[in-house]
Amino acid sequence: MSPVQESTPEPLGPLPVPATAGMLRAVLHDSVQYALGGLAYKAVALLSVPILARLLVPADLGMLDLAVVVALVVAITGAVGLENALARLDAEEPANARLWGSAGLLLILGVAIVGGAGLTLSAPLAALLLGSSTNAAVISAGVVYGCVLAFSTMGLNAVRLQQRPRRYAVYGFLIVAAEMATALALAAAGASVPVIILGWAAASALGAAILIVREVPRMGRPSTALVRRLTLFGLPLVPAGLVWIVGDLGVRALIAHQEGLVALGLYGIAGRLTSVIQLMVVGFGLAWHPFLYRANGDQARRLGATASVGLIAGLGSLAMILTALSPEVVGIVAGPGYENAVMVVAGLSAAMVLFGVITAATAVLGVRYAVRSVALASAGGAVIQVLLAAIVVPPLGLAGAGVAVAVGYGITAALLVWRAGLLSIPMTVVTLAAALGLIITAVTVQAAFPIRLASLTLGMLAAGGAWSLVRGRGRESE
């Protein structure tokens, strides 16, 4: 028995009624609301991309994207896994003042330590990631933005745990809209990349302050026992989320060193396009984790299996559409000079489909307190991702980077699906084969439109068959 099991009560037990596909559909309904809110502010971000792409040169755009990745590393590390730890413990004692006080103390300590370290090491990090310590200001600005994001996430998590997906979406939209408006105004005024990032941080800080004041439950005196429980559950999840960010940093650094900062900007455009799929996965996860933490092991495994197949069907369909139409989408969103970004869209799309499967499996393992398995599998996939990128990026360029990212996510998805017992071996093989098919589609994205249309049609037929399987399994469970 792990320490977290020894110090944490058993789950609330079975859900109030037998878990059915109908209950899963209710979770998916909330997921859609979270995702629609995310898509709304993603639309704001995507609409701003053509303007930013014309106000900034590709090298500056690439540094802007890398600074955001640095901010995510700081936010995830400083938050010490509180997002999921709070969801797990709040399911047992909703709105416990001492629980939220303990979480607040952990957050302040984590952000202070990680933020201080990031600012101190900004010069060597700039030399490592961007090839020159003269860009240290970019890294420092990213660190400041990450510290603010950690507190903003805390406030949004309070809204999520109150089961208010619409309010969560509205807050998220307003914060991102304010960030992008600030960024565009500063870019139009000729501000440098660090100043634009600090503008983002200022807008986000205002949103975080409003969230904390209005939405976070009353905070009581921190408890040593609750701090320990939050740490034991959340800390192993930090590397699980962090390794993918660090892996992305590693891939971007390889692109910057091997292909140059212009290629880094192209990779950033492809990442923005495929982040639409990521938003769907994040929306699902926001509703999925609090729901599943109320289930027992058997219920969780059965619901997780059904959700995984549905995610493969739905996200796979979206990924195929995005990949097949990527030349047109890149042309509209980014304009001239970014055409080669299409070479990495297929690999990143496949990775996001697999990220959905990872999200479903992670919650099932969380019910069983097997969070260390998530950390180990994620670390293995991210390491392989970077090592493979070091091999394939020099000869294949951006297309090789997409392949490396997809393979890393695929390995982690396979390990977690097996560990959680969600899918049979044949279904796991099908999942990985689908990812490989999306990568192969990269060969056709620059071919004649009829070839891409045929590829898209075949993919949609396959997705339709998978969705029929999901509906059939849902009827059986009901």
Protein backbone atom coordinates (compact mmCIF):
# COMPACT_ATOMS: atom_id res chain seq x y z
CA MET A 1 0.00 0.00 0.00
CA SER A 2 1.33 3.43 -0.98
CA PRO A 3 1.63 6.31 1.51
CA VAL A 4 -1.20 8.19 -0.18
CA GLN A 5 -3.52 5.23 0.36
CA GLU A 6 -2.55 5.00 4.00
CA SER A 7 -3.28 8.67 4.66
CA THR A 8 -6.38 9.06 2.47
CA PRO A 9 -9.85 7.65 3.12
CA GLU A 10 -11.40 5.25 0.65
CA PRO A 11 -13.32 6.77 -2.28
CA LEU A 12 -16.91 7.77 -1.71
CA GLY A 13 -17.80 4.39 -3.14
CA PRO A 14 -20.08 3.51 -6.03
CA LEU A 15 -21.95 6.30 -7.72
CA PRO A 16 -25.47 6.89 -6.36
CA VAL A 17 -26.95 4.79 -9.15
CA PRO A 18 -25.31 2.08 -11.29
CA ALA A 19 -22.89 3.71 -13.70
CA THR A 20 -24.39 3.62 -17.21
CA ALA A 21 -23.67 5.06 -20.61
CA GLY A 22 -26.36 7.65 -19.82
CA MET A 23 -24.25 8.94 -16.94
CA LEU A 24 -21.25 9.01 -19.24
CA ARG A 25 -23.22 11.08 -21.71
CA ALA A 26 -23.97 13.57 -18.91
CA VAL A 27 -20.22 13.89 -18.33
CA LEU A 28 -19.69 14.37 -22.06
CA HIS A 29 -22.36 17.09 -21.99
CA ASP A 30 -20.36 19.00 -19.37
CA SER A 31 -17.21 18.26 -21.37
CA VAL A 32 -18.73 19.92 -24.41
CA GLN A 33 -19.51 23.05 -22.40
CA TYR A 34 -15.95 23.22 -21.11
CA ALA A 35 -14.61 22.59 -24.61
CA LEU A 36 -16.93 25.12 -26.25
CA GLY A 37 -15.70 27.76 -23.85
CA GLY A 38 -12.17 26.73 -24.70
CA LEU A 39 -12.97 26.82 -28.41
CA ALA A 40 -14.47 30.28 -28.01
CA TYR A 41 -11.29 31.73 -26.55
CA LYS A 42 -9.23 29.58 -28.94
CA ALA A 43 -11.16 31.29 -31.73
CA VAL A 44 -9.99 34.61 -30.29
CA ALA A 45 -6.43 33.29 -30.26
CA LEU A 46 -6.69 31.90 -33.81
CA LEU A 47 -8.17 35.15 -35.10
CA SER A 48 -5.22 36.97 -33.58
CA VAL A 49 -2.65 34.65 -35.20
CA PRO A 50 -2.89 36.22 -38.68
CA ILE A 51 -2.35 39.63 -37.10
CA LEU A 52 0.55 38.49 -34.92
CA ALA A 53 2.08 36.61 -37.86
CA ARG A 54 2.12 39.87 -39.81
CA LEU A 55 3.24 42.09 -36.95
CA LEU A 56 6.07 39.77 -35.91
CA VAL A 57 8.73 38.00 -37.93
CA PRO A 58 8.69 34.16 -37.69
CA ALA A 59 11.70 34.17 -35.33
CA ASP A 60 9.89 36.44 -32.84
CA LEU A 61 6.74 34.34 -33.11
CA GLY A 62 8.78 31.22 -32.37
CA MET A 63 10.30 32.83 -29.25
CA LEU A 64 6.84 33.92 -28.13
CA ASP A 65 5.60 30.35 -28.36
CA LEU A 66 8.63 29.01 -26.52
CA ALA A 67 8.10 31.51 -23.70
CA VAL A 68 4.54 30.24 -23.31
CA VAL A 69 5.90 26.71 -22.98
CA VAL A 70 8.28 27.94 -20.26
CA ALA A 71 5.28 29.52 -18.50
CA LEU A 72 3.42 26.21 -18.59
CA VAL A 73 6.40 24.44 -17.04
CA VAL A 74 6.48 26.98 -14.20
CA ALA A 75 2.70 26.82 -13.68
CA ILE A 76 2.54 23.03 -13.58
CA THR A 77 5.57 22.66 -11.31
CA GLY A 78 4.57 25.45 -8.95
CA ALA A 79 1.02 24.11 -8.58
CA VAL A 80 2.40 20.72 -7.36
CA GLY A 81 -0.51 18.76 -8.86
CA LEU A 82 -3.16 20.64 -6.87
CA GLU A 83 -5.71 20.65 -9.70
CA ASN A 84 -6.31 16.89 -9.51
CA ALA A 85 -5.45 16.54 -5.82
CA LEU A 86 -8.15 19.06 -4.89
CA ALA A 87 -10.66 17.28 -7.12
CA ARG A 88 -9.88 13.98 -5.39
CA LEU A 89 -10.10 15.29 -1.81
CA ASP A 90 -12.97 17.70 -2.45
CA ALA A 91 -15.07 14.70 -3.56
CA GLU A 92 -14.84 13.46 0.04
CA GLU A 93 -15.29 16.79 1.89
CA PRO A 94 -16.77 19.48 -0.40
CA ALA A 95 -15.87 23.11 0.40
CA ASN A 96 -13.70 22.15 3.38
CA ALA A 97 -12.16 25.49 4.48
CA ARG A 98 -9.04 23.85 5.90
CA LEU A 99 -8.55 21.88 2.67
CA TRP A 100 -8.58 25.06 0.59
CA GLY A 101 -6.36 26.85 3.10
CA SER A 102 -3.85 24.02 2.87
CA ALA A 103 -3.99 24.13 -0.93
CA GLY A 104 -3.41 27.90 -0.87
CA LEU A 105 -0.33 27.51 1.31
CA LEU A 106 1.08 24.81 -0.97
CA LEU A 107 0.49 26.95 -4.03
CA ILE A 108 2.24 30.00 -2.58
CA LEU A 109 5.26 27.94 -1.51
CA GLY A 110 5.46 26.08 -4.83
CA VAL A 111 5.22 29.20 -6.98
CA ALA A 112 7.78 31.07 -4.85
CA ILE A 113 10.33 28.26 -5.12
CA VAL A 114 9.86 27.48 -8.81
CA GLY A 115 9.52 31.12 -9.88
CA GLY A 116 12.64 32.14 -7.97
CA ALA A 117 14.64 29.31 -9.51
CA GLY A 118 13.41 30.16 -13.02
CA LEU A 119 14.36 33.82 -12.75
CA THR A 120 17.79 32.94 -11.36
CA LEU A 121 18.49 30.48 -14.19
CA SER A 122 17.00 32.54 -17.04
CA ALA A 123 20.35 33.25 -18.75
CA PRO A 124 21.59 29.63 -18.92
CA LEU A 125 18.10 28.47 -19.93
CA ALA A 126 18.08 30.98 -22.77
CA ALA A 127 21.47 29.72 -23.95
CA LEU A 128 20.21 26.13 -23.82
CA LEU A 129 16.84 26.66 -25.49
CA LEU A 130 17.49 29.57 -27.85
CA GLY A 131 21.21 29.32 -28.44
CA SER A 132 22.11 32.63 -26.80
CA SER A 133 21.94 34.10 -23.30
CA THR A 134 21.03 37.47 -24.83
CA ASN A 135 17.44 36.20 -24.94
CA ALA A 136 17.30 35.77 -21.15
CA ALA A 137 14.57 38.40 -20.91
CA VAL A 138 12.26 36.16 -22.95
CA ILE A 139 12.72 33.32 -20.45
CA SER A 140 12.30 35.63 -17.44
CA ALA A 141 9.04 37.01 -18.84
CA GLY A 142 7.83 33.45 -19.42
CA VAL A 143 8.61 32.58 -15.79
CA VAL A 144 6.58 35.57 -14.52
CA TYR A 145 3.67 34.60 -16.77
CA GLY A 146 3.84 31.02 -15.45
CA CYS A 147 3.62 32.18 -11.82
CA VAL A 148 0.45 34.11 -12.65
CA LEU A 149 -1.01 31.12 -14.55
CA ALA A 150 -0.64 28.93 -11.45
CA PHE A 151 -2.94 31.22 -9.45
CA SER A 152 -5.35 31.61 -12.36
CA THR A 153 -5.64 27.82 -12.61
CA MET A 154 -6.39 27.64 -8.88
CA GLY A 155 -9.32 30.03 -9.34
CA LEU A 156 -10.68 28.22 -12.39
CA ASN A 157 -10.41 24.91 -10.54
CA ALA A 158 -12.68 26.29 -7.81
CA VAL A 159 -15.33 27.03 -10.45
CA ARG A 160 -14.89 23.57 -11.96
CA LEU A 161 -15.36 21.80 -8.61
CA GLN A 162 -18.59 23.71 -8.09
CA GLN A 163 -19.80 21.99 -11.32
CA ARG A 164 -20.33 25.24 -13.21
CA PRO A 165 -18.93 24.54 -16.67
CA ARG A 166 -20.61 27.55 -18.30
CA ARG A 167 -19.15 29.96 -15.76
CA TYR A 168 -15.76 28.26 -16.15
CA ALA A 169 -15.95 28.80 -19.91
CA VAL A 170 -16.93 32.46 -19.53
CA TYR A 171 -14.04 33.19 -17.16
CA GLY A 172 -11.59 31.39 -19.44
CA PHE A 173 -12.82 33.28 -22.49
CA LEU A 174 -12.60 36.68 -20.81
CA ILE A 175 -9.08 36.07 -19.48
CA VAL A 176 -7.70 34.89 -22.83
CA ALA A 177 -9.51 37.66 -24.72
CA ALA A 178 -7.88 40.23 -22.43
CA GLU A 179 -4.48 38.58 -22.89
CA MET A 180 -4.72 38.57 -26.68
CA ALA A 181 -6.02 42.14 -26.87
CA THR A 182 -3.05 43.26 -24.77
CA ALA A 183 -0.61 41.28 -26.92
CA LEU A 184 -1.96 42.69 -30.19
CA ALA A 185 -1.86 46.24 -28.89
CA LEU A 186 1.74 45.86 -27.72
CA ALA A 187 2.83 44.11 -30.94
CA ALA A 188 1.21 46.87 -33.03
CA ALA A 189 3.13 49.43 -30.97
CA GLY A 190 6.39 47.64 -31.82
CA ALA A 191 7.01 46.20 -28.35
CA SER A 192 9.61 43.49 -27.87
CA VAL A 193 8.71 39.85 -27.21
CA PRO A 194 9.41 40.06 -23.43
CA VAL A 195 7.13 43.11 -23.11
CA ILE A 196 4.32 41.31 -24.98
CA ILE A 197 4.61 38.34 -22.60
CA LEU A 198 4.54 40.60 -19.55
CA GLY A 199 1.41 42.19 -20.99
CA TRP A 200 -0.15 38.73 -21.11
CA ALA A 201 0.86 38.22 -17.49
CA ALA A 202 -0.72 41.51 -16.38
CA ALA A 203 -4.04 40.68 -18.05
CA SER A 204 -3.99 37.17 -16.57
CA ALA A 205 -3.16 38.53 -13.11
CA LEU A 206 -6.27 40.69 -13.15
CA GLY A 207 -8.41 37.70 -14.07
CA ALA A 208 -6.76 35.54 -11.40
CA ALA A 209 -7.45 38.15 -8.72
CA ILE A 210 -11.15 38.32 -9.65
CA LEU A 211 -11.41 34.52 -9.67
CA ILE A 212 -9.78 34.07 -6.28
CA VAL A 213 -11.87 36.77 -4.63
CA ARG A 214 -15.20 35.69 -6.10
CA GLU A 215 -14.98 31.92 -6.60
CA VAL A 216 -12.47 30.25 -4.27
CA PRO A 217 -14.20 28.86 -1.14
CA ARG A 218 -13.34 30.28 2.26
CA MET A 219 -9.83 29.33 3.28
CA GLY A 220 -9.30 28.09 6.81
CA ARG A 221 -6.16 27.40 8.77
CA PRO A 222 -3.85 25.01 6.89
CA SER A 223 -3.66 21.46 8.22
CA THR A 224 -0.44 19.44 8.24
CA ALA A 225 -2.38 16.25 7.49
CA LEU A 226 -4.22 17.84 4.56
CA VAL A 227 -1.02 19.34 3.17
CA ARG A 228 0.52 15.87 3.30
CA ARG A 229 -2.45 14.25 1.57
CA LEU A 230 -2.53 16.89 -1.16
CA THR A 231 1.20 16.54 -1.70
CA LEU A 232 1.21 12.74 -1.79
CA PHE A 233 -1.58 12.61 -4.34
CA GLY A 234 -0.60 15.62 -6.45
CA LEU A 235 3.19 15.49 -6.47
CA PRO A 236 3.53 12.31 -8.59
CA LEU A 237 1.22 13.92 -11.16
CA VAL A 238 3.58 16.89 -11.60
CA PRO A 239 6.12 14.94 -13.69
CA ALA A 240 3.23 13.31 -15.56
CA GLY A 241 2.16 16.73 -16.84
CA LEU A 242 5.56 18.34 -16.79
CA VAL A 243 7.43 15.79 -18.88
CA TRP A 244 5.25 16.55 -21.90
CA ILE A 245 5.96 20.24 -21.57
CA VAL A 246 9.67 19.57 -21.11
CA GLY A 247 9.52 17.14 -24.03
CA ASP A 248 7.93 19.84 -26.17
CA LEU A 249 10.65 22.25 -25.07
CA GLY A 250 13.23 19.65 -26.08
CA VAL A 251 11.70 19.17 -29.53
CA ARG A 252 11.43 22.95 -30.04
CA ALA A 253 15.05 23.41 -28.95
CA LEU A 254 16.16 20.75 -31.45
CA ILE A 255 14.21 22.48 -34.20
CA ALA A 256 15.74 25.85 -33.25
CA HIS A 257 19.28 24.43 -33.28
CA GLN A 258 18.92 22.20 -36.35
CA GLU A 259 16.46 24.11 -38.55
CA GLY A 260 16.62 27.67 -37.20
CA LEU A 261 14.18 30.06 -35.55
CA VAL A 262 12.07 30.36 -38.72
CA ALA A 263 11.28 26.63 -38.54
CA LEU A 264 10.47 27.11 -34.85
CA GLY A 265 7.85 29.67 -35.88
CA LEU A 266 6.36 27.18 -38.39
CA TYR A 267 6.17 24.53 -35.67
CA GLY A 268 4.37 27.05 -33.46
CA ILE A 269 1.72 27.66 -36.13
CA ALA A 270 1.09 23.90 -36.46
CA GLY A 271 0.86 23.64 -32.68
CA ARG A 272 -1.78 26.37 -32.62
CA LEU A 273 -3.91 24.53 -35.18
CA THR A 274 -3.77 21.16 -33.44
CA SER A 275 -4.43 22.76 -30.06
CA VAL A 276 -8.10 22.74 -31.10
CA ILE A 277 -8.03 18.97 -30.55
CA GLN A 278 -6.16 19.46 -27.29
CA LEU A 279 -8.92 21.78 -26.09
CA MET A 280 -11.50 19.04 -26.66
CA VAL A 281 -9.39 16.67 -24.55
CA VAL A 282 -8.90 19.25 -21.79
CA GLY A 283 -12.65 19.92 -21.71
CA PHE A 284 -13.28 16.21 -21.32
CA GLY A 285 -10.72 15.92 -18.53
CA LEU A 286 -12.20 18.81 -16.56
CA ALA A 287 -15.53 17.00 -16.28
CA TRP A 288 -14.14 13.44 -16.29
CA HIS A 289 -11.84 13.48 -13.25
CA PRO A 290 -14.31 14.80 -10.62
CA PHE A 291 -16.99 12.44 -11.94
CA LEU A 292 -14.84 9.31 -12.01
CA TYR A 293 -13.37 9.92 -8.54
CA ARG A 294 -16.82 9.08 -7.16
CA ALA A 295 -16.75 5.60 -8.73
CA ASN A 296 -15.26 2.35 -7.53
CA GLY A 297 -12.61 0.45 -9.46
CA ASP A 298 -14.91 -1.74 -11.58
CA GLN A 299 -17.19 1.14 -12.52
CA ALA A 300 -14.22 3.33 -13.38
CA ARG A 301 -12.63 0.71 -15.62
CA ARG A 302 -15.88 0.05 -17.52
CA LEU A 303 -16.64 3.74 -18.02
CA GLY A 304 -13.02 4.41 -18.97
CA ALA A 305 -13.11 1.74 -21.67
CA THR A 306 -16.26 3.18 -23.23
CA ALA A 307 -14.91 6.73 -23.04
CA SER A 308 -11.60 5.71 -24.64
CA VAL A 309 -13.25 4.21 -27.71
CA GLY A 310 -15.46 7.30 -28.05
CA LEU A 311 -12.45 9.58 -27.82
CA ILE A 312 -10.61 7.61 -30.49
CA ALA A 313 -13.62 7.93 -32.81
CA GLY A 314 -14.44 11.58 -32.19
CA LEU A 315 -10.95 13.02 -31.87
CA GLY A 316 -9.65 10.82 -34.69
CA SER A 317 -12.31 12.19 -37.00
CA LEU A 318 -11.41 15.78 -36.11
CA ALA A 319 -7.71 15.04 -36.54
CA MET A 320 -8.25 13.58 -40.01
CA ILE A 321 -10.24 16.62 -41.11
CA LEU A 322 -7.62 19.02 -39.79
CA THR A 323 -4.75 17.09 -41.38
CA ALA A 324 -6.38 16.77 -44.79
CA LEU A 325 -7.31 20.46 -44.94
CA SER A 326 -4.15 21.79 -43.30
CA PRO A 327 -2.74 23.53 -46.44
CA GLU A 328 -5.87 25.65 -46.77
CA VAL A 329 -6.13 26.28 -43.02
CA VAL A 330 -2.49 27.32 -42.70
CA GLY A 331 -2.87 29.62 -45.68
CA ILE A 332 -5.89 31.35 -44.14
CA VAL A 333 -4.59 31.51 -40.57
CA ALA A 334 -0.93 32.37 -41.06
CA GLY A 335 -0.59 33.57 -44.65
CA PRO A 336 2.47 33.55 -46.92
CA GLY A 337 5.74 32.31 -45.49
CA TYR A 338 4.20 29.60 -43.28
CA GLU A 339 3.26 26.98 -45.91
CA ASN A 340 5.72 24.36 -44.64
CA ALA A 341 3.94 24.25 -41.27
CA VAL A 342 1.63 21.63 -42.82
CA MET A 343 4.40 19.04 -42.61
CA VAL A 344 4.02 18.70 -38.84
CA VAL A 345 0.22 18.95 -38.52
CA ALA A 346 -0.39 15.21 -39.01
CA GLY A 347 2.01 14.12 -36.28
CA LEU A 348 0.77 16.67 -33.76
CA SER A 349 -2.87 15.77 -34.54
CA ALA A 350 -2.17 12.10 -33.91
CA ALA A 351 -0.47 12.99 -30.63
CA MET A 352 -3.56 14.87 -29.43
CA VAL A 353 -5.82 11.89 -30.21
CA LEU A 354 -3.55 9.74 -28.08
CA PHE A 355 -3.56 12.44 -25.38
CA GLY A 356 -7.31 11.87 -25.11
CA VAL A 357 -6.77 8.17 -24.39
CA ILE A 358 -4.09 9.08 -21.83
CA THR A 359 -6.55 11.43 -20.08
CA ALA A 360 -9.21 8.71 -19.81
CA ALA A 361 -6.74 6.17 -18.43
CA THR A 362 -5.17 8.62 -15.96
CA ALA A 363 -8.46 9.17 -14.13
CA VAL A 364 -9.08 5.42 -13.85
CA LEU A 365 -5.65 4.95 -12.31
CA GLY A 366 -6.31 7.91 -10.00
CA VAL A 367 -9.34 6.10 -8.56
CA ARG A 368 -6.95 3.30 -7.58
CA TYR A 369 -4.30 5.77 -6.32
CA ALA A 370 -1.90 4.45 -8.97
CA VAL A 371 -0.62 7.93 -9.82
CA ARG A 372 3.01 6.77 -9.94
CA SER A 373 2.18 4.63 -12.97
CA VAL A 374 1.03 7.77 -14.78
CA ALA A 375 4.27 9.56 -13.95
CA LEU A 376 6.50 6.67 -15.07
CA ALA A 377 4.63 6.03 -18.32
CA SER A 378 4.58 9.73 -19.20
CA ALA A 379 8.28 10.10 -18.45
CA GLY A 380 9.10 7.13 -20.67
CA GLY A 381 7.06 8.48 -23.58
CA ALA A 382 8.49 11.99 -23.31
CA VAL A 383 12.09 10.78 -23.15
CA ILE A 384 11.59 8.60 -26.23
CA GLN A 385 9.94 11.56 -27.96
CA VAL A 386 12.99 13.79 -27.50
CA LEU A 387 15.52 11.04 -28.30
CA LEU A 388 13.67 10.13 -31.47
CA ALA A 389 13.43 13.80 -32.45
CA ALA A 390 17.21 14.11 -32.11
CA ILE A 391 17.51 11.28 -34.66
CA VAL A 392 14.82 12.18 -37.19
CA VAL A 393 14.73 16.01 -37.16
CA PRO A 394 18.10 16.49 -38.93
CA PRO A 395 17.16 14.34 -41.98
CA LEU A 396 13.38 14.94 -42.03
CA GLY A 397 12.98 18.43 -40.57
CA LEU A 398 9.53 19.40 -39.27
CA ALA A 399 7.91 16.19 -40.49
CA GLY A 400 10.35 14.23 -38.34
CA ALA A 401 9.44 16.33 -35.32
CA GLY A 402 5.76 15.42 -35.80
CA VAL A 403 6.60 11.73 -36.03
CA ALA A 404 8.67 11.87 -32.83
CA VAL A 405 5.92 13.62 -30.85
CA ALA A 406 3.24 11.14 -31.99
CA VAL A 407 5.39 8.11 -31.16
CA GLY A 408 6.07 9.44 -27.65
CA TYR A 409 2.38 9.90 -26.91
CA GLY A 410 1.59 6.52 -28.47
CA ILE A 411 3.97 4.65 -26.18
CA THR A 412 2.53 6.33 -23.08
CA ALA A 413 -1.06 5.69 -24.20
CA ALA A 414 -0.34 2.00 -24.74
CA LEU A 415 1.30 1.62 -21.32
CA LEU A 416 -1.51 3.38 -19.44
CA VAL A 417 -4.28 1.58 -21.31
CA TRP A 418 -2.64 -1.72 -20.41
CA ARG A 419 -2.04 -0.68 -16.78
CA ALA A 420 -5.63 0.52 -16.32
CA GLY A 421 -7.10 -2.48 -18.14
CA LEU A 422 -9.25 -0.26 -20.38
CA LEU A 423 -8.88 -1.74 -23.84
CA SER A 424 -8.03 -5.14 -25.18
CA ILE A 425 -4.72 -5.66 -26.93
CA PRO A 426 -6.39 -5.58 -30.40
CA MET A 427 -8.05 -2.23 -29.62
CA THR A 428 -4.74 -0.83 -28.35
CA VAL A 429 -3.09 -1.91 -31.60
CA VAL A 430 -5.90 -0.23 -33.56
CA THR A 431 -5.31 3.00 -31.63
CA LEU A 432 -1.61 3.03 -32.44
CA ALA A 433 -2.33 2.08 -36.07
CA ALA A 434 -4.69 5.05 -36.34
CA ALA A 435 -1.93 7.36 -35.11
CA LEU A 436 0.46 5.88 -37.68
CA GLY A 437 -2.15 6.44 -40.38
CA LEU A 438 -2.41 10.11 -39.45
CA ILE A 439 1.35 10.48 -39.68
CA ILE A 440 1.40 8.84 -43.11
CA THR A 441 -1.26 11.32 -44.18
CA ALA A 442 1.45 13.97 -43.91
CA VAL A 443 2.75 12.67 -47.24
CA THR A 444 -0.52 13.64 -48.92
CA VAL A 445 -1.16 17.06 -47.38
CA GLN A 446 0.82 18.85 -50.10
CA ALA A 447 -0.52 16.65 -52.93
CA ALA A 448 -3.45 17.44 -55.19
CA PHE A 449 -6.72 18.17 -53.42
CA PRO A 450 -8.54 15.09 -54.84
CA ILE A 451 -5.95 12.82 -53.21
CA ARG A 452 -6.42 14.52 -49.86
CA LEU A 453 -10.19 14.40 -50.24
CA ALA A 454 -10.06 10.65 -50.84
CA SER A 455 -7.88 10.22 -47.76
CA LEU A 456 -10.31 12.31 -45.72
CA THR A 457 -13.31 10.27 -46.93
CA LEU A 458 -11.70 6.97 -45.96
CA GLY A 459 -10.80 8.37 -42.56
CA MET A 460 -14.34 9.58 -41.93
CA LEU A 461 -15.75 6.18 -42.82
CA ALA A 462 -13.38 4.56 -40.32
CA ALA A 463 -14.38 7.09 -37.65
CA GLY A 464 -18.06 6.40 -38.35
CA GLY A 465 -17.49 2.70 -37.80
CA ALA A 466 -15.75 3.38 -34.50
CA TRP A 467 -18.57 5.65 -33.35
CA SER A 468 -21.11 2.92 -34.17
CA LEU A 469 -19.12 0.62 -31.90
CA VAL A 470 -19.33 3.20 -29.10
CA ARG A 471 -23.12 3.50 -29.46
CA GLY A 472 -23.45 -0.28 -29.44
CA ARG A 473 -21.41 -0.59 -26.25
CA GLY A 474 -23.44 2.21 -24.66
CA ARG A 475 -26.73 0.41 -25.32
CA GLU A 476 -25.33 -2.80 -23.90
CA SER A 477 -24.27 -1.08 -20.65
CA GLU A 478 -27.72 0.47 -20.25
